[in-house]
Amino acid sequence: MTKILLDTDIGTDVDDAVCLAYLLSQPDCELLGITTVTGEAGRRASLASVLCLAAGKEIPIYPGAEIPLKVPQRQPRAQQAAALPRWPHETRFPQGEAVRFLRDAIHANPGEVILLTVGPLTNVGRLFQEHPEVPGLLKGLVIMGGMFNENSPEKGRIEWNTSGDPHATEIVYRARVALHRSLGLDVTQRVVLSDQQVRETFTAPLLRPVLDFAEIWFAEFYPAITFHDPLAAAVIFDESICAFERGEVTIDMGEQMGKTIWHPDGPEAPHEVALSVDPERFFEHFFGVFR
């Protein structure tokens, strides 16, 4: 069993909910806990609890930071919270304890925990800043964030998660972790289902509340799901879905604040990034956990 801590901004882009449903269904995942980040962190925690209750699992959930370290918040609302009245959910959570919870869980399982972060990096940046020993205690850090292939159609884009709190992002990429892995837009944008494909394939019981959340996403934002976050989760359990390269990631803190800059290097470089993905293999793996 692989021990996972999930840090998520569930409630805006629906791929976070898809990711959590995957982790709750993945038989090789021991989900130690969930922390939420960005605006309305408590409502985001309630959305996470919908899926945990639907899966019949008691998972600790901690609302985390709502405000970035130094820049204004660009994601103040959890739009999918509109679905909460339709699903059983929790409303009371420990307050102000997300960083402590992450620290304690990692200390209790040295060398065993993979921290999966699929939202802006405020919680993780605070964790690494306040507890500098923690990166060295992790088995791995997997980030959905950034953009690394300058020849891709996404060239020039500044990805949402890394730019949502650029100062936290810089802290996180300076940290030394045994496995420091990133999946950026240039790869995740290749795993997409249209709204109609989602309605046809999200038939498993645990995907029903996710589909309800997705209808809000489709109506307010975009008529498809890009599986950014589920892809980051899936490669923890099947690395063959993506091809990775070692190098170093630095963060632009100037005019393009939060932009990731990729420097390919040798096997001793501190970071890994995904440079390609097999979409067919991903979807086969993803839907396979719900059978």
Protein backbone atom coordinates (compact mmCIF):
# COMPACT_ATOMS: atom_id res chain seq x y z
CA MET A 1 0.00 0.00 0.00
CA THR A 2 1.25 3.47 -0.91
CA LYS A 3 0.65 6.14 1.72
CA ILE A 4 -0.71 9.36 0.21
CA LEU A 5 -1.46 12.82 1.56
CA LEU A 6 -3.61 14.88 -0.82
CA ASP A 7 -3.49 18.69 -0.88
CA THR A 8 -6.30 19.97 -3.12
CA ASP A 9 -8.35 22.98 -4.19
CA ILE A 10 -11.37 20.75 -4.86
CA GLY A 11 -14.46 22.76 -5.76
CA THR A 12 -13.43 24.84 -8.77
CA ASP A 13 -12.03 22.71 -11.63
CA VAL A 14 -13.78 19.34 -11.27
CA ASP A 15 -10.63 17.33 -11.93
CA ASP A 16 -9.78 17.53 -8.20
CA ALA A 17 -12.95 15.60 -7.37
CA VAL A 18 -12.13 13.08 -10.11
CA CYS A 19 -8.67 12.69 -8.58
CA LEU A 20 -10.04 12.12 -5.08
CA ALA A 21 -12.55 9.55 -6.34
CA TYR A 22 -9.68 7.74 -8.04
CA LEU A 23 -7.57 7.67 -4.85
CA LEU A 24 -10.53 6.43 -2.79
CA SER A 25 -11.05 3.61 -5.30
CA GLN A 26 -7.38 2.73 -5.91
CA PRO A 27 -6.78 -0.56 -4.02
CA ASP A 28 -3.07 0.19 -3.56
CA CYS A 29 -3.68 3.63 -1.98
CA GLU A 30 -3.69 4.29 1.75
CA LEU A 31 -5.06 7.84 1.86
CA LEU A 32 -3.78 9.27 5.14
CA GLY A 33 -5.59 12.58 4.88
CA ILE A 34 -6.74 15.54 2.81
CA THR A 35 -5.96 19.24 3.16
CA THR A 36 -7.74 21.95 1.18
CA VAL A 37 -6.39 25.24 -0.10
CA THR A 38 -7.58 28.58 -1.54
CA GLY A 39 -10.81 30.47 -0.92
CA GLU A 40 -13.67 28.83 1.00
CA ALA A 41 -11.35 26.08 2.23
CA GLY A 42 -14.07 24.85 4.60
CA ARG A 43 -16.57 24.37 1.79
CA ARG A 44 -13.86 22.60 -0.19
CA ALA A 45 -13.40 20.30 2.79
CA SER A 46 -17.14 19.57 2.74
CA LEU A 47 -16.92 18.65 -0.94
CA ALA A 48 -14.07 16.25 -0.17
CA SER A 49 -16.19 14.72 2.60
CA VAL A 50 -19.00 13.98 0.11
CA LEU A 51 -16.72 11.56 -1.71
CA CYS A 52 -15.21 10.08 1.44
CA LEU A 53 -18.69 9.37 2.82
CA ALA A 54 -19.85 7.96 -0.51
CA ALA A 55 -16.81 5.65 -0.49
CA GLY A 56 -17.53 4.59 3.09
CA LYS A 57 -14.11 5.74 4.30
CA GLU A 58 -13.18 7.87 7.31
CA ILE A 59 -10.41 10.12 6.01
CA PRO A 60 -9.09 13.08 8.07
CA ILE A 61 -9.88 16.36 6.29
CA TYR A 62 -8.30 19.69 7.24
CA PRO A 63 -9.17 23.07 5.69
CA GLY A 64 -5.92 24.86 4.95
CA ALA A 65 -4.74 28.29 3.84
CA GLU A 66 -7.24 30.52 2.07
CA ILE A 67 -4.78 33.36 1.36
CA PRO A 68 -1.47 33.03 -0.55
CA LEU A 69 1.77 33.96 1.22
CA LYS A 70 2.20 37.39 -0.40
CA VAL A 71 -0.06 37.86 -3.43
CA PRO A 72 -3.85 38.35 -3.59
CA GLN A 73 -6.16 35.35 -3.80
CA ARG A 74 -7.41 34.72 -7.35
CA GLN A 75 -9.68 31.79 -6.45
CA PRO A 76 -12.05 33.03 -3.73
CA ARG A 77 -15.00 30.69 -4.38
CA ALA A 78 -15.68 26.95 -4.45
CA GLN A 79 -18.36 26.94 -7.13
CA GLN A 80 -19.17 23.23 -6.83
CA ALA A 81 -20.31 23.79 -3.25
CA ALA A 82 -23.67 24.51 -4.88
CA ALA A 83 -24.06 20.71 -5.05
CA LEU A 84 -23.58 20.17 -1.29
CA PRO A 85 -27.31 20.21 -0.39
CA ARG A 86 -27.80 17.19 -2.64
CA TRP A 87 -25.23 14.95 -0.92
CA PRO A 88 -24.43 13.90 2.67
CA HIS A 89 -21.37 15.81 3.85
CA GLU A 90 -19.48 17.00 6.89
CA THR A 91 -19.49 20.64 7.96
CA ARG A 92 -17.23 20.68 11.02
CA PHE A 93 -13.48 20.35 10.59
CA PRO A 94 -10.37 21.23 12.65
CA GLN A 95 -9.45 24.82 11.96
CA GLY A 96 -5.95 26.19 11.47
CA GLU A 97 -4.32 22.76 11.78
CA ALA A 98 -3.65 21.70 8.19
CA VAL A 99 0.11 22.31 8.28
CA ARG A 100 0.45 20.64 11.68
CA PHE A 101 -1.52 17.65 10.42
CA LEU A 102 0.72 17.27 7.36
CA ARG A 103 3.84 17.57 9.51
CA ASP A 104 2.63 15.01 12.05
CA ALA A 105 1.54 12.49 9.41
CA ILE A 106 4.89 12.71 7.63
CA HIS A 107 6.86 12.45 10.89
CA ALA A 108 4.82 9.40 11.86
CA ASN A 109 5.67 7.66 8.56
CA PRO A 110 9.25 8.70 7.67
CA GLY A 111 10.26 7.74 4.16
CA GLU A 112 6.83 6.29 3.39
CA VAL A 113 4.55 9.17 2.38
CA ILE A 114 3.98 10.63 -1.06
CA LEU A 115 2.57 14.15 -0.84
CA LEU A 116 0.34 14.77 -3.86
CA THR A 117 -0.46 18.43 -4.41
CA VAL A 118 -3.01 19.40 -7.06
CA GLY A 119 -3.75 23.04 -6.21
CA PRO A 120 -1.84 26.23 -5.48
CA LEU A 121 1.08 25.43 -3.20
CA THR A 122 0.34 27.61 -0.15
CA ASN A 123 -0.11 24.76 2.34
CA VAL A 124 2.96 22.90 1.13
CA GLY A 125 5.06 26.07 0.98
CA ARG A 126 4.14 26.87 4.57
CA LEU A 127 4.85 23.28 5.60
CA PHE A 128 8.33 23.32 4.09
CA GLN A 129 9.07 26.83 5.36
CA GLU A 130 7.97 26.19 8.95
CA HIS A 131 9.30 22.62 9.15
CA PRO A 132 12.41 22.43 6.94
CA GLU A 133 13.10 18.82 7.94
CA VAL A 134 9.88 17.58 6.33
CA PRO A 135 11.04 17.40 2.66
CA GLY A 136 13.78 14.98 3.70
CA LEU A 137 11.22 12.74 5.42
CA LEU A 138 9.02 12.31 2.35
CA LYS A 139 9.14 9.33 0.05
CA GLY A 140 8.08 11.68 -2.72
CA LEU A 141 6.38 14.89 -3.76
CA VAL A 142 4.14 14.79 -6.85
CA ILE A 143 2.88 18.12 -8.18
CA MET A 144 0.27 18.84 -10.81
CA GLY A 145 1.59 22.17 -11.93
CA GLY A 146 3.77 24.09 -14.32
CA MET A 147 4.49 23.93 -18.04
CA PHE A 148 7.78 22.42 -19.17
CA ASN A 149 7.83 21.70 -22.92
CA GLU A 150 8.46 24.94 -24.77
CA ASN A 151 7.56 23.25 -28.07
CA SER A 152 4.05 22.30 -26.94
CA PRO A 153 0.83 24.15 -27.87
CA GLU A 154 0.80 25.41 -24.27
CA LYS A 155 4.08 27.31 -24.80
CA GLY A 156 4.09 30.61 -22.96
CA ARG A 157 1.23 29.78 -20.59
CA ILE A 158 1.72 30.34 -16.88
CA GLU A 159 0.00 27.45 -15.17
CA TRP A 160 -2.65 28.15 -12.51
CA ASN A 161 -1.31 26.12 -9.58
CA THR A 162 2.26 27.39 -9.74
CA SER A 163 1.16 31.00 -10.27
CA GLY A 164 -1.63 30.96 -7.66
CA ASP A 165 0.98 31.39 -4.93
CA PRO A 166 4.34 31.95 -6.63
CA HIS A 167 6.24 32.54 -3.39
CA ALA A 168 5.06 29.19 -2.03
CA THR A 169 5.91 27.59 -5.38
CA GLU A 170 9.47 28.88 -5.17
CA ILE A 171 9.83 27.43 -1.65
CA VAL A 172 8.53 24.05 -2.80
CA TYR A 173 10.85 23.79 -5.81
CA ARG A 174 13.88 24.74 -3.71
CA ALA A 175 13.16 21.88 -1.31
CA ARG A 176 15.14 18.68 -1.71
CA VAL A 177 12.91 15.60 -1.78
CA ALA A 178 13.92 12.03 -2.68
CA LEU A 179 11.42 12.11 -5.55
CA HIS A 180 10.37 15.62 -6.68
CA ARG A 181 8.07 15.06 -9.67
CA SER A 182 5.90 17.46 -11.69
CA LEU A 183 3.24 16.99 -14.36
CA GLY A 184 2.58 20.15 -16.33
CA LEU A 185 -0.04 21.45 -18.73
CA ASP A 186 1.94 20.35 -21.77
CA VAL A 187 1.23 16.73 -20.75
CA THR A 188 -2.04 16.88 -18.81
CA GLN A 189 -3.86 18.70 -21.62
CA ARG A 190 -3.64 15.49 -23.66
CA VAL A 191 -6.06 13.54 -21.43
CA VAL A 192 -9.51 15.01 -22.00
CA LEU A 193 -13.12 13.78 -22.17
CA SER A 194 -16.01 15.86 -23.46
CA ASP A 195 -19.03 16.51 -21.27
CA GLN A 196 -20.98 13.86 -23.20
CA GLN A 197 -18.19 11.30 -22.83
CA VAL A 198 -18.11 12.01 -19.09
CA ARG A 199 -21.87 11.46 -18.79
CA GLU A 200 -21.52 8.15 -20.65
CA THR A 201 -18.55 6.81 -18.67
CA PHE A 202 -19.01 8.14 -15.12
CA THR A 203 -21.38 5.33 -14.14
CA ALA A 204 -19.62 3.89 -11.08
CA PRO A 205 -21.38 4.75 -7.78
CA LEU A 206 -18.53 6.92 -6.50
CA LEU A 207 -18.46 8.87 -9.77
CA ARG A 208 -22.12 9.90 -9.46
CA PRO A 209 -21.47 12.80 -7.06
CA VAL A 210 -18.45 13.70 -9.18
CA LEU A 211 -20.71 13.90 -12.22
CA ASP A 212 -23.03 16.19 -10.26
CA PHE A 213 -20.06 18.45 -9.47
CA ALA A 214 -19.02 18.22 -13.12
CA GLU A 215 -22.34 19.58 -14.36
CA ILE A 216 -21.59 22.79 -12.45
CA TRP A 217 -18.14 22.92 -14.07
CA PHE A 218 -19.63 22.32 -17.53
CA ALA A 219 -22.23 25.07 -17.08
CA GLU A 220 -19.91 27.70 -15.62
CA PHE A 221 -16.54 27.03 -17.23
CA TYR A 222 -15.95 24.45 -19.98
CA PRO A 223 -17.83 21.50 -21.54
CA ALA A 224 -15.09 18.91 -20.91
CA ILE A 225 -12.85 17.51 -18.18
CA THR A 226 -9.11 17.67 -18.57
CA PHE A 227 -7.69 15.02 -16.25
CA HIS A 228 -4.81 17.13 -14.91
CA ASP A 229 -4.99 15.94 -11.31
CA PRO A 230 -6.06 12.32 -11.89
CA LEU A 231 -3.05 11.91 -14.19
CA ALA A 232 -0.72 13.12 -11.43
CA ALA A 233 -2.30 10.59 -9.07
CA ALA A 234 -2.30 7.71 -11.54
CA VAL A 235 1.44 7.85 -12.28
CA ILE A 236 2.12 7.19 -8.60
CA PHE A 237 0.69 3.72 -9.17
CA ASP A 238 1.66 3.16 -12.83
CA GLU A 239 4.74 5.13 -13.87
CA SER A 240 4.55 3.73 -17.41
CA ILE A 241 1.65 6.08 -18.20
CA CYS A 242 4.13 8.94 -18.60
CA ALA A 243 7.76 9.34 -19.60
CA PHE A 244 9.86 11.48 -17.25
CA GLU A 245 13.11 13.37 -17.54
CA ARG A 246 15.41 14.68 -14.82
CA GLY A 247 16.52 18.28 -14.60
CA GLU A 248 15.93 21.39 -12.55
CA VAL A 249 12.86 23.61 -12.31
CA THR A 250 13.26 27.25 -11.39
CA ILE A 251 10.46 29.76 -10.84
CA ASP A 252 10.20 33.16 -12.50
CA MET A 253 9.60 35.74 -9.78
CA GLY A 254 9.66 38.71 -12.14
CA GLU A 255 7.18 39.79 -14.81
CA GLN A 256 5.93 36.21 -15.36
CA MET A 257 5.62 35.42 -11.68
CA GLY A 258 5.02 31.74 -11.03
CA LYS A 259 6.11 30.53 -14.47
CA THR A 260 8.12 27.32 -14.36
CA ILE A 261 11.42 27.23 -16.24
CA TRP A 262 12.78 23.80 -17.17
CA HIS A 263 16.51 23.08 -17.31
CA PRO A 264 17.18 19.51 -18.56
CA ASP A 265 20.13 17.93 -16.81
CA GLY A 266 21.65 14.61 -15.80
CA PRO A 267 20.60 11.85 -13.38
CA GLU A 268 21.73 13.82 -10.31
CA ALA A 269 19.39 16.76 -10.99
CA PRO A 270 16.81 17.47 -8.26
CA HIS A 271 13.55 17.33 -10.23
CA GLU A 272 11.62 15.08 -12.61
CA VAL A 273 9.02 16.32 -15.08
CA ALA A 274 6.65 14.42 -17.33
CA LEU A 275 7.38 15.03 -20.99
CA SER A 276 4.86 12.65 -22.61
CA VAL A 277 1.76 10.62 -21.78
CA ASP A 278 -0.01 7.59 -23.21
CA PRO A 279 -3.69 8.72 -23.03
CA GLU A 280 -5.09 5.29 -23.88
CA ARG A 281 -3.08 3.64 -21.12
CA PHE A 282 -4.14 6.36 -18.68
CA PHE A 283 -7.87 5.95 -19.30
CA GLU A 284 -7.61 2.16 -19.16
CA HIS A 285 -5.85 2.45 -15.80
CA PHE A 286 -8.20 5.14 -14.46
CA PHE A 287 -11.50 3.43 -15.22
CA GLY A 288 -10.02 0.08 -14.21
CA VAL A 289 -10.02 1.06 -10.51
CA PHE A 290 -13.81 1.61 -10.57
CA ARG A 291 -14.68 -1.87 -11.87
